Amino acid sequence: MNIKIQYIIDGLSLARASFIFSEKKPFILYSIGFFNIIAALFSVIMITKGLLLNLTQQELILLIVMLLWLFARKPLVRWIFKRKMKKINTIGKTMVIEISRNGIMWSGEGIKTGHLAWQYISYILEIKNGFIIPYSVNRFLWLPNTGFKSKLQIEKIKTLIIEKHVPLRVYPKLEC
């Protein structure tokens, strides 16, 4: 069973996939959750103190940093990824990915050809409009649903993922 996926690399969807890839790593996910709890606790403490007493300049700066972490971190990181993707020379070029029982092969204009055996895939992220396949600490493959010829191909890939015992993490609300 060979499934061939072909699509034109889009900078915006690749930036969003990069953001999801970076945020859904297990250690990063737990670290962000931990820092969110700490930031929320410190923010509540500082706001309460500010209402009852005056805040010093250092406490005010701490409150601002905590509120920025809670409410501006995601938009800032997304903006950084979008700017970064504008500089990539493969944007607008065709990417070809072949998925078989032996593994995943990819190639394209300006892209180094590669092969990834199933045994080296630790997990796959399924989001609303595609799949993110991490194959290294800082590298991943983006498989948008628009690259598939039919819904049947998507179902075949899901079946193959289950057959190869690769954990599939489903995030139905996330989209690239």
N, C-alpha and C. Protein backbone atom coordinates (compact mmCIF):
# COMPACT_ATOMS: atom_id res chain seq x y z
N MET A 1 0.84 -1.18 0.00
CA MET A 1 0.00 0.00 0.00
C MET A 1 0.89 1.25 0.00
N ASN A 2 0.86 2.00 -1.05
CA ASN A 2 1.59 3.26 -1.15
C ASN A 2 0.58 4.40 -1.30
N ILE A 3 0.77 5.41 -0.50
CA ILE A 3 -0.08 6.60 -0.58
C ILE A 3 0.83 7.77 -0.91
N LYS A 4 0.50 8.46 -1.99
CA LYS A 4 1.31 9.59 -2.43
C LYS A 4 0.55 10.88 -2.14
N ILE A 5 1.23 11.78 -1.47
CA ILE A 5 0.66 13.07 -1.11
C ILE A 5 1.51 14.15 -1.77
N GLN A 6 0.84 15.08 -2.40
CA GLN A 6 1.55 16.16 -3.08
C GLN A 6 0.83 17.47 -2.78
N TYR A 7 1.60 18.46 -2.37
CA TYR A 7 1.01 19.76 -2.06
C TYR A 7 2.04 20.86 -2.24
N ILE A 8 1.55 22.08 -2.33
CA ILE A 8 2.42 23.25 -2.43
C ILE A 8 2.61 23.80 -1.02
N ILE A 9 3.85 24.02 -0.65
CA ILE A 9 4.17 24.46 0.71
C ILE A 9 3.69 25.90 0.91
N ASP A 10 2.87 26.07 1.93
CA ASP A 10 2.28 27.36 2.27
C ASP A 10 2.93 27.87 3.56
N GLY A 11 3.42 29.08 3.56
CA GLY A 11 4.14 29.62 4.72
C GLY A 11 3.27 29.75 5.96
N LEU A 12 2.02 30.19 5.79
CA LEU A 12 1.15 30.39 6.94
C LEU A 12 0.80 29.07 7.62
N SER A 13 0.41 28.07 6.83
CA SER A 13 0.06 26.78 7.45
C SER A 13 1.30 26.09 8.03
N LEU A 14 2.45 26.29 7.41
CA LEU A 14 3.69 25.72 7.94
C LEU A 14 4.07 26.40 9.26
N ALA A 15 3.83 27.71 9.36
CA ALA A 15 4.10 28.43 10.62
C ALA A 15 3.17 27.93 11.72
N ARG A 16 1.91 27.72 11.39
CA ARG A 16 0.97 27.20 12.39
C ARG A 16 1.33 25.78 12.80
N ALA A 17 1.73 24.96 11.83
CA ALA A 17 2.16 23.59 12.15
C ALA A 17 3.40 23.61 13.03
N SER A 18 4.31 24.54 12.79
CA SER A 18 5.51 24.68 13.62
C SER A 18 5.15 25.04 15.05
N PHE A 19 4.18 25.93 15.18
CA PHE A 19 3.74 26.33 16.52
C PHE A 19 3.12 25.15 17.26
N ILE A 20 2.26 24.40 16.59
CA ILE A 20 1.63 23.23 17.21
C ILE A 20 2.68 22.19 17.56
N PHE A 21 3.61 21.95 16.64
CA PHE A 21 4.68 20.98 16.88
C PHE A 21 5.49 21.36 18.12
N SER A 22 5.84 22.63 18.23
CA SER A 22 6.67 23.06 19.36
C SER A 22 5.90 23.04 20.67
N GLU A 23 4.61 23.35 20.65
CA GLU A 23 3.83 23.42 21.88
C GLU A 23 3.34 22.06 22.36
N LYS A 24 3.28 21.06 21.51
CA LYS A 24 2.71 19.77 21.88
C LYS A 24 3.76 18.72 22.23
N LYS A 25 4.99 19.11 22.33
CA LYS A 25 6.01 18.18 22.83
C LYS A 25 5.72 17.95 24.31
N PRO A 26 5.81 16.71 24.78
CA PRO A 26 5.41 16.42 26.17
C PRO A 26 6.08 17.29 27.23
N PHE A 27 7.39 17.45 27.18
CA PHE A 27 8.08 18.24 28.20
C PHE A 27 7.66 19.70 28.13
N ILE A 28 7.58 20.23 26.92
CA ILE A 28 7.18 21.64 26.74
C ILE A 28 5.74 21.84 27.22
N LEU A 29 4.88 20.87 26.90
CA LEU A 29 3.48 20.95 27.31
C LEU A 29 3.35 21.04 28.83
N TYR A 30 4.07 20.19 29.55
CA TYR A 30 4.03 20.22 31.02
C TYR A 30 4.69 21.48 31.57
N SER A 31 5.77 21.92 30.95
CA SER A 31 6.44 23.14 31.41
C SER A 31 5.55 24.35 31.26
N ILE A 32 4.88 24.47 30.11
CA ILE A 32 3.98 25.60 29.89
C ILE A 32 2.83 25.57 30.88
N GLY A 33 2.28 24.38 31.12
CA GLY A 33 1.21 24.25 32.11
C GLY A 33 1.65 24.68 33.50
N PHE A 34 2.85 24.26 33.88
CA PHE A 34 3.40 24.64 35.18
C PHE A 34 3.58 26.15 35.28
N PHE A 35 4.17 26.76 34.25
CA PHE A 35 4.38 28.21 34.27
C PHE A 35 3.06 28.97 34.23
N ASN A 36 2.05 28.43 33.55
CA ASN A 36 0.72 29.07 33.54
C ASN A 36 0.13 29.11 34.96
N ILE A 37 0.27 28.00 35.69
CA ILE A 37 -0.25 27.95 37.06
C ILE A 37 0.49 28.96 37.94
N ILE A 38 1.81 28.97 37.84
CA ILE A 38 2.62 29.91 38.65
C ILE A 38 2.27 31.36 38.29
N ALA A 39 2.16 31.64 36.99
CA ALA A 39 1.84 33.01 36.56
C ALA A 39 0.46 33.42 37.04
N ALA A 40 -0.50 32.51 36.98
CA ALA A 40 -1.85 32.83 37.44
C ALA A 40 -1.86 33.10 38.95
N LEU A 41 -1.15 32.27 39.72
CA LEU A 41 -1.09 32.48 41.17
C LEU A 41 -0.43 33.82 41.52
N PHE A 42 0.72 34.10 40.90
CA PHE A 42 1.39 35.37 41.18
C PHE A 42 0.54 36.56 40.74
N SER A 43 -0.16 36.44 39.64
CA SER A 43 -1.02 37.53 39.16
C SER A 43 -2.15 37.81 40.15
N VAL A 44 -2.78 36.76 40.63
CA VAL A 44 -3.86 36.93 41.61
C VAL A 44 -3.31 37.58 42.89
N ILE A 45 -2.16 37.10 43.35
CA ILE A 45 -1.56 37.66 44.56
C ILE A 45 -1.22 39.14 44.36
N MET A 46 -0.62 39.46 43.22
CA MET A 46 -0.21 40.86 42.97
C MET A 46 -1.43 41.77 42.78
N ILE A 47 -2.45 41.28 42.09
CA ILE A 47 -3.65 42.12 41.91
C ILE A 47 -4.34 42.35 43.25
N THR A 48 -4.42 41.30 44.07
CA THR A 48 -5.02 41.45 45.41
C THR A 48 -4.22 42.44 46.25
N LYS A 49 -2.90 42.30 46.21
CA LYS A 49 -2.06 43.23 46.98
C LYS A 49 -2.22 44.64 46.43
N GLY A 50 -2.31 44.77 45.11
CA GLY A 50 -2.47 46.09 44.51
C GLY A 50 -3.77 46.76 44.89
N LEU A 51 -4.82 45.96 45.09
CA LEU A 51 -6.10 46.53 45.50
C LEU A 51 -6.09 46.94 46.97
N LEU A 52 -5.38 46.19 47.80
CA LEU A 52 -5.34 46.47 49.24
C LEU A 52 -4.25 47.46 49.62
N LEU A 53 -3.09 47.32 49.01
CA LEU A 53 -1.93 48.17 49.31
C LEU A 53 -1.36 48.70 47.99
N ASN A 54 -0.32 49.47 48.08
CA ASN A 54 0.35 49.93 46.87
C ASN A 54 1.39 48.90 46.42
N LEU A 55 1.55 48.75 45.12
CA LEU A 55 2.57 47.87 44.58
C LEU A 55 3.87 48.64 44.39
N THR A 56 4.99 47.99 44.67
CA THR A 56 6.28 48.62 44.37
C THR A 56 6.52 48.48 42.87
N GLN A 57 7.54 49.17 42.40
CA GLN A 57 7.85 49.13 40.98
C GLN A 57 8.22 47.71 40.54
N GLN A 58 8.98 46.99 41.35
CA GLN A 58 9.38 45.63 41.02
C GLN A 58 8.17 44.70 40.96
N GLU A 59 7.24 44.87 41.89
CA GLU A 59 6.03 44.04 41.90
C GLU A 59 5.15 44.34 40.69
N LEU A 60 5.09 45.59 40.30
CA LEU A 60 4.32 45.97 39.13
C LEU A 60 4.92 45.35 37.87
N ILE A 61 6.24 45.37 37.76
CA ILE A 61 6.92 44.75 36.61
C ILE A 61 6.66 43.25 36.61
N LEU A 62 6.73 42.62 37.77
CA LEU A 62 6.43 41.19 37.87
C LEU A 62 4.99 40.90 37.43
N LEU A 63 4.05 41.71 37.85
CA LEU A 63 2.65 41.53 37.45
C LEU A 63 2.50 41.67 35.93
N ILE A 64 3.15 42.65 35.35
CA ILE A 64 3.08 42.86 33.89
C ILE A 64 3.67 41.66 33.15
N VAL A 65 4.81 41.15 33.61
CA VAL A 65 5.44 40.00 32.97
C VAL A 65 4.53 38.77 33.07
N MET A 66 3.93 38.55 34.23
CA MET A 66 3.05 37.40 34.41
C MET A 66 1.82 37.51 33.51
N LEU A 67 1.23 38.70 33.41
CA LEU A 67 0.06 38.88 32.55
C LEU A 67 0.44 38.73 31.07
N LEU A 68 1.63 39.20 30.70
CA LEU A 68 2.09 39.00 29.32
C LEU A 68 2.28 37.52 29.03
N TRP A 69 2.84 36.76 30.00
CA TRP A 69 3.01 35.31 29.81
C TRP A 69 1.65 34.65 29.60
N LEU A 70 0.68 35.04 30.38
CA LEU A 70 -0.63 34.39 30.30
C LEU A 70 -1.40 34.75 29.04
N PHE A 71 -1.32 36.02 28.61
CA PHE A 71 -2.21 36.47 27.54
C PHE A 71 -1.53 36.81 26.22
N ALA A 72 -0.22 37.03 26.20
CA ALA A 72 0.44 37.46 24.96
C ALA A 72 1.46 36.47 24.45
N ARG A 73 1.70 35.38 25.15
CA ARG A 73 2.73 34.43 24.73
C ARG A 73 2.39 33.78 23.39
N LYS A 74 1.19 33.24 23.26
CA LYS A 74 0.82 32.54 22.02
C LYS A 74 0.84 33.46 20.80
N PRO A 75 0.19 34.63 20.86
CA PRO A 75 0.25 35.52 19.69
C PRO A 75 1.68 35.94 19.32
N LEU A 76 2.51 36.18 20.33
CA LEU A 76 3.89 36.57 20.06
C LEU A 76 4.67 35.45 19.39
N VAL A 77 4.52 34.23 19.91
CA VAL A 77 5.24 33.09 19.32
C VAL A 77 4.74 32.82 17.90
N ARG A 78 3.43 32.92 17.68
CA ARG A 78 2.89 32.73 16.31
C ARG A 78 3.45 33.78 15.37
N TRP A 79 3.53 35.02 15.81
CA TRP A 79 4.07 36.10 14.99
C TRP A 79 5.53 35.82 14.64
N ILE A 80 6.31 35.33 15.61
CA ILE A 80 7.72 35.00 15.35
C ILE A 80 7.82 33.89 14.31
N PHE A 81 6.99 32.85 14.44
CA PHE A 81 7.01 31.75 13.47
C PHE A 81 6.63 32.24 12.07
N LYS A 82 5.63 33.11 11.96
CA LYS A 82 5.22 33.64 10.65
C LYS A 82 6.36 34.42 10.00
N ARG A 83 7.05 35.24 10.77
CA ARG A 83 8.19 36.00 10.24
C ARG A 83 9.30 35.07 9.79
N LYS A 84 9.53 34.01 10.57
CA LYS A 84 10.57 33.04 10.25
C LYS A 84 10.25 32.29 8.95
N MET A 85 8.99 31.96 8.74
CA MET A 85 8.60 31.19 7.56
C MET A 85 8.72 32.00 6.27
N LYS A 86 8.65 33.32 6.36
CA LYS A 86 8.79 34.16 5.17
C LYS A 86 10.19 34.05 4.56
N LYS A 87 11.17 33.66 5.37
CA LYS A 87 12.55 33.59 4.91
C LYS A 87 12.92 32.24 4.32
N ILE A 88 12.03 31.25 4.40
CA ILE A 88 12.33 29.91 3.90
C ILE A 88 12.20 29.89 2.38
N ASN A 89 13.19 29.30 1.70
CA ASN A 89 13.21 29.33 0.24
C ASN A 89 12.32 28.26 -0.40
N THR A 90 11.70 27.38 0.38
CA THR A 90 10.84 26.33 -0.20
C THR A 90 9.36 26.71 -0.23
N ILE A 91 9.03 27.90 0.26
CA ILE A 91 7.64 28.33 0.25
C ILE A 91 7.18 28.49 -1.21
N GLY A 92 6.01 27.94 -1.51
CA GLY A 92 5.47 28.01 -2.86
C GLY A 92 5.94 26.89 -3.77
N LYS A 93 6.78 26.00 -3.26
CA LYS A 93 7.28 24.88 -4.06
C LYS A 93 6.52 23.60 -3.70
N THR A 94 6.64 22.62 -4.55
CA THR A 94 5.89 21.37 -4.37
C THR A 94 6.63 20.40 -3.46
N MET A 95 5.89 19.78 -2.58
CA MET A 95 6.40 18.75 -1.67
C MET A 95 5.69 17.45 -2.00
N VAL A 96 6.45 16.37 -2.12
CA VAL A 96 5.90 15.05 -2.42
C VAL A 96 6.27 14.11 -1.27
N ILE A 97 5.25 13.47 -0.71
CA ILE A 97 5.45 12.53 0.39
C ILE A 97 4.81 11.20 0.01
N GLU A 98 5.57 10.12 0.17
CA GLU A 98 5.05 8.78 -0.09
C GLU A 98 5.05 8.00 1.21
N ILE A 99 3.89 7.45 1.53
CA ILE A 99 3.74 6.68 2.76
C ILE A 99 3.49 5.23 2.38
N SER A 100 4.30 4.33 2.94
CA SER A 100 4.15 2.89 2.66
C SER A 100 4.32 2.11 3.96
N ARG A 101 4.26 0.81 3.87
CA ARG A 101 4.46 -0.04 5.04
C ARG A 101 5.91 0.01 5.55
N ASN A 102 6.82 0.42 4.70
CA ASN A 102 8.23 0.52 5.09
C ASN A 102 8.56 1.83 5.80
N GLY A 103 7.77 2.85 5.56
CA GLY A 103 8.04 4.14 6.18
C GLY A 103 7.53 5.29 5.34
N ILE A 104 8.09 6.44 5.57
CA ILE A 104 7.67 7.67 4.89
C ILE A 104 8.88 8.25 4.16
N MET A 105 8.68 8.57 2.88
CA MET A 105 9.73 9.22 2.08
C MET A 105 9.21 10.58 1.64
N TRP A 106 10.10 11.56 1.59
CA TRP A 106 9.70 12.87 1.13
C TRP A 106 10.77 13.45 0.21
N SER A 107 10.31 14.31 -0.68
CA SER A 107 11.19 15.01 -1.62
C SER A 107 10.47 16.25 -2.11
N GLY A 108 11.19 17.09 -2.79
CA GLY A 108 10.61 18.30 -3.34
C GLY A 108 11.68 19.26 -3.80
N GLU A 109 11.23 20.34 -4.42
CA GLU A 109 12.16 21.35 -4.92
C GLU A 109 12.81 22.08 -3.73
N GLY A 110 14.12 22.05 -3.66
CA GLY A 110 14.83 22.73 -2.59
C GLY A 110 14.77 22.02 -1.25
N ILE A 111 14.26 20.80 -1.25
CA ILE A 111 14.12 20.03 -0.02
C ILE A 111 15.02 18.81 -0.10
N LYS A 112 15.74 18.56 0.96
CA LYS A 112 16.59 17.38 1.01
C LYS A 112 15.71 16.13 1.11
N THR A 113 15.93 15.19 0.21
CA THR A 113 15.16 13.95 0.20
C THR A 113 15.45 13.16 1.47
N GLY A 114 14.39 12.56 2.02
CA GLY A 114 14.57 11.82 3.26
C GLY A 114 13.67 10.61 3.36
N HIS A 115 14.01 9.73 4.28
CA HIS A 115 13.22 8.53 4.55
C HIS A 115 13.14 8.34 6.05
N LEU A 116 11.98 7.96 6.52
CA LEU A 116 11.75 7.75 7.94
C LEU A 116 11.03 6.42 8.13
N ALA A 117 11.68 5.49 8.79
CA ALA A 117 11.06 4.19 9.07
C ALA A 117 10.05 4.35 10.22
N TRP A 118 9.02 3.52 10.22
CA TRP A 118 7.96 3.60 11.22
C TRP A 118 8.49 3.43 12.63
N GLN A 119 9.53 2.63 12.81
CA GLN A 119 10.03 2.37 14.16
C GLN A 119 10.64 3.61 14.81
N TYR A 120 10.99 4.62 14.02
CA TYR A 120 11.60 5.83 14.56
C TYR A 120 10.58 6.94 14.82
N ILE A 121 9.32 6.67 14.56
CA ILE A 121 8.27 7.66 14.81
C ILE A 121 7.70 7.39 16.20
N SER A 122 7.86 8.34 17.10
CA SER A 122 7.39 8.12 18.48
C SER A 122 5.91 8.44 18.64
N TYR A 123 5.39 9.39 17.87
CA TYR A 123 3.96 9.72 17.89
C TYR A 123 3.63 10.57 16.67
N ILE A 124 2.34 10.68 16.39
CA ILE A 124 1.85 11.52 15.30
C ILE A 124 0.72 12.38 15.84
N LEU A 125 0.73 13.65 15.48
CA LEU A 125 -0.34 14.57 15.88
C LEU A 125 -1.35 14.67 14.74
N GLU A 126 -2.61 14.42 15.05
CA GLU A 126 -3.67 14.63 14.06
C GLU A 126 -4.46 15.85 14.48
N ILE A 127 -4.51 16.83 13.59
CA ILE A 127 -5.28 18.04 13.86
C ILE A 127 -6.40 18.13 12.84
N LYS A 128 -7.18 19.17 12.92
CA LYS A 128 -8.39 19.31 12.10
C LYS A 128 -8.11 19.17 10.60
N ASN A 129 -7.01 19.71 10.13
CA ASN A 129 -6.77 19.72 8.68
C ASN A 129 -5.45 19.07 8.28
N GLY A 130 -5.00 18.07 9.05
CA GLY A 130 -3.79 17.37 8.62
C GLY A 130 -3.11 16.60 9.73
N PHE A 131 -1.88 16.18 9.44
CA PHE A 131 -1.07 15.41 10.38
C PHE A 131 0.29 16.08 10.53
N ILE A 132 0.83 16.04 11.74
CA ILE A 132 2.18 16.50 12.01
C ILE A 132 2.96 15.29 12.50
N ILE A 133 4.04 14.96 11.78
CA ILE A 133 4.84 13.79 12.12
C ILE A 133 6.22 14.26 12.57
N PRO A 134 6.47 14.26 13.89
CA PRO A 134 7.81 14.63 14.38
C PRO A 134 8.79 13.50 14.09
N TYR A 135 9.97 13.85 13.58
CA TYR A 135 10.97 12.81 13.34
C TYR A 135 12.32 13.17 13.94
N SER A 136 12.37 14.25 14.67
CA SER A 136 13.59 14.66 15.36
C SER A 136 13.15 15.66 16.43
N VAL A 137 14.08 16.11 17.21
CA VAL A 137 13.75 17.07 18.27
C VAL A 137 13.20 18.37 17.69
N ASN A 138 13.75 18.78 16.55
CA ASN A 138 13.32 20.05 15.97
C ASN A 138 12.87 19.95 14.52
N ARG A 139 12.48 18.77 14.06
CA ARG A 139 12.02 18.60 12.68
C ARG A 139 10.74 17.80 12.64
N PHE A 140 9.90 18.12 11.66
CA PHE A 140 8.63 17.42 11.51
C PHE A 140 8.20 17.45 10.05
N LEU A 141 7.27 16.57 9.72
CA LEU A 141 6.63 16.58 8.40
C LEU A 141 5.20 17.07 8.58
N TRP A 142 4.78 17.94 7.70
CA TRP A 142 3.41 18.46 7.72
C TRP A 142 2.66 17.82 6.56
N LEU A 143 1.58 17.08 6.87
CA LEU A 143 0.75 16.45 5.85
C LEU A 143 -0.63 17.09 5.87
N PRO A 144 -0.87 18.10 5.04
CA PRO A 144 -2.20 18.73 5.04
C PRO A 144 -3.22 17.82 4.36
N ASN A 145 -4.46 17.88 4.81
CA ASN A 145 -5.52 17.08 4.19
C ASN A 145 -5.75 17.46 2.73
N THR A 146 -5.39 18.67 2.35
CA THR A 146 -5.56 19.09 0.96
C THR A 146 -4.61 18.35 0.02
N GLY A 147 -3.55 17.76 0.55
CA GLY A 147 -2.61 17.02 -0.28
C GLY A 147 -3.09 15.62 -0.63
N PHE A 148 -4.08 15.11 0.09
CA PHE A 148 -4.61 13.79 -0.19
C PHE A 148 -5.60 13.85 -1.35
N LYS A 149 -5.64 12.77 -2.11
CA LYS A 149 -6.56 12.72 -3.26
C LYS A 149 -8.00 12.48 -2.83
N SER A 150 -8.18 11.76 -1.71
CA SER A 150 -9.54 11.46 -1.24
C SER A 150 -9.53 11.22 0.26
N LYS A 151 -10.72 11.18 0.82
CA LYS A 151 -10.87 10.87 2.25
C LYS A 151 -10.45 9.43 2.53
N LEU A 152 -10.55 8.57 1.53
CA LEU A 152 -10.16 7.17 1.68
C LEU A 152 -8.67 7.06 1.99
N GLN A 153 -7.84 7.91 1.38
CA GLN A 153 -6.40 7.91 1.67
C GLN A 153 -6.13 8.29 3.13
N ILE A 154 -6.89 9.23 3.65
CA ILE A 154 -6.72 9.64 5.05
C ILE A 154 -7.06 8.46 5.97
N GLU A 155 -8.13 7.75 5.64
CA GLU A 155 -8.52 6.59 6.45
C GLU A 155 -7.47 5.48 6.35
N LYS A 156 -6.87 5.30 5.17
CA LYS A 156 -5.82 4.29 5.00
C LYS A 156 -4.60 4.63 5.86
N ILE A 157 -4.26 5.91 5.92
CA ILE A 157 -3.11 6.33 6.74
C ILE A 157 -3.41 6.08 8.22
N LYS A 158 -4.62 6.40 8.66
CA LYS A 158 -4.98 6.15 10.06
C LYS A 158 -4.89 4.65 10.37
N THR A 159 -5.35 3.82 9.44
CA THR A 159 -5.28 2.37 9.63
C THR A 159 -3.82 1.91 9.70
N LEU A 160 -2.98 2.47 8.84
CA LEU A 160 -1.56 2.11 8.84
C LEU A 160 -0.87 2.55 10.14
N ILE A 161 -1.24 3.70 10.64
CA ILE A 161 -0.69 4.19 11.91
C ILE A 161 -1.04 3.24 13.05
N ILE A 162 -2.28 2.79 13.08
CA ILE A 162 -2.71 1.84 14.11
C ILE A 162 -1.98 0.51 13.94
N GLU A 163 -1.86 0.07 12.69
CA GLU A 163 -1.17 -1.20 12.40
C GLU A 163 0.29 -1.17 12.83
N LYS A 164 0.93 -0.02 12.68
CA LYS A 164 2.35 0.11 13.03
C LYS A 164 2.55 0.49 14.51
N HIS A 165 1.48 0.56 15.28
CA HIS A 165 1.52 0.84 16.72
C HIS A 165 2.18 2.17 17.05
N VAL A 166 1.89 3.18 16.24
CA VAL A 166 2.40 4.52 16.50
C VAL A 166 1.28 5.29 17.21
N PRO A 167 1.56 5.86 18.38
CA PRO A 167 0.51 6.62 19.09
C PRO A 167 0.03 7.81 18.25
N LEU A 168 -1.28 7.92 18.13
CA LEU A 168 -1.90 9.02 17.39
C LEU A 168 -2.56 9.95 18.40
N ARG A 169 -2.05 11.16 18.51
CA ARG A 169 -2.62 12.17 19.42
C ARG A 169 -3.54 13.06 18.60
N VAL A 170 -4.80 13.04 18.93
CA VAL A 170 -5.81 13.76 18.15
C VAL A 170 -6.16 15.06 18.87
N TYR A 171 -6.09 16.16 18.10
CA TYR A 171 -6.47 17.48 18.58
C TYR A 171 -7.48 18.07 17.58
N PRO A 172 -8.76 17.74 17.73
CA PRO A 172 -9.75 18.14 16.72
C PRO A 172 -10.01 19.64 16.63
N LYS A 173 -9.66 20.40 17.67
CA LYS A 173 -9.91 21.85 17.65
C LYS A 173 -8.75 22.63 17.03
N LEU A 174 -7.56 22.03 16.96
CA LEU A 174 -6.41 22.75 16.40
C LEU A 174 -6.43 22.69 14.89
N GLU A 175 -5.99 23.77 14.26
CA GLU A 175 -6.01 23.86 12.80
C GLU A 175 -4.82 24.68 12.30
N CYS A 176 -4.31 24.29 11.15
CA CYS A 176 -3.18 25.02 10.55
C CYS A 176 -3.66 25.88 9.40
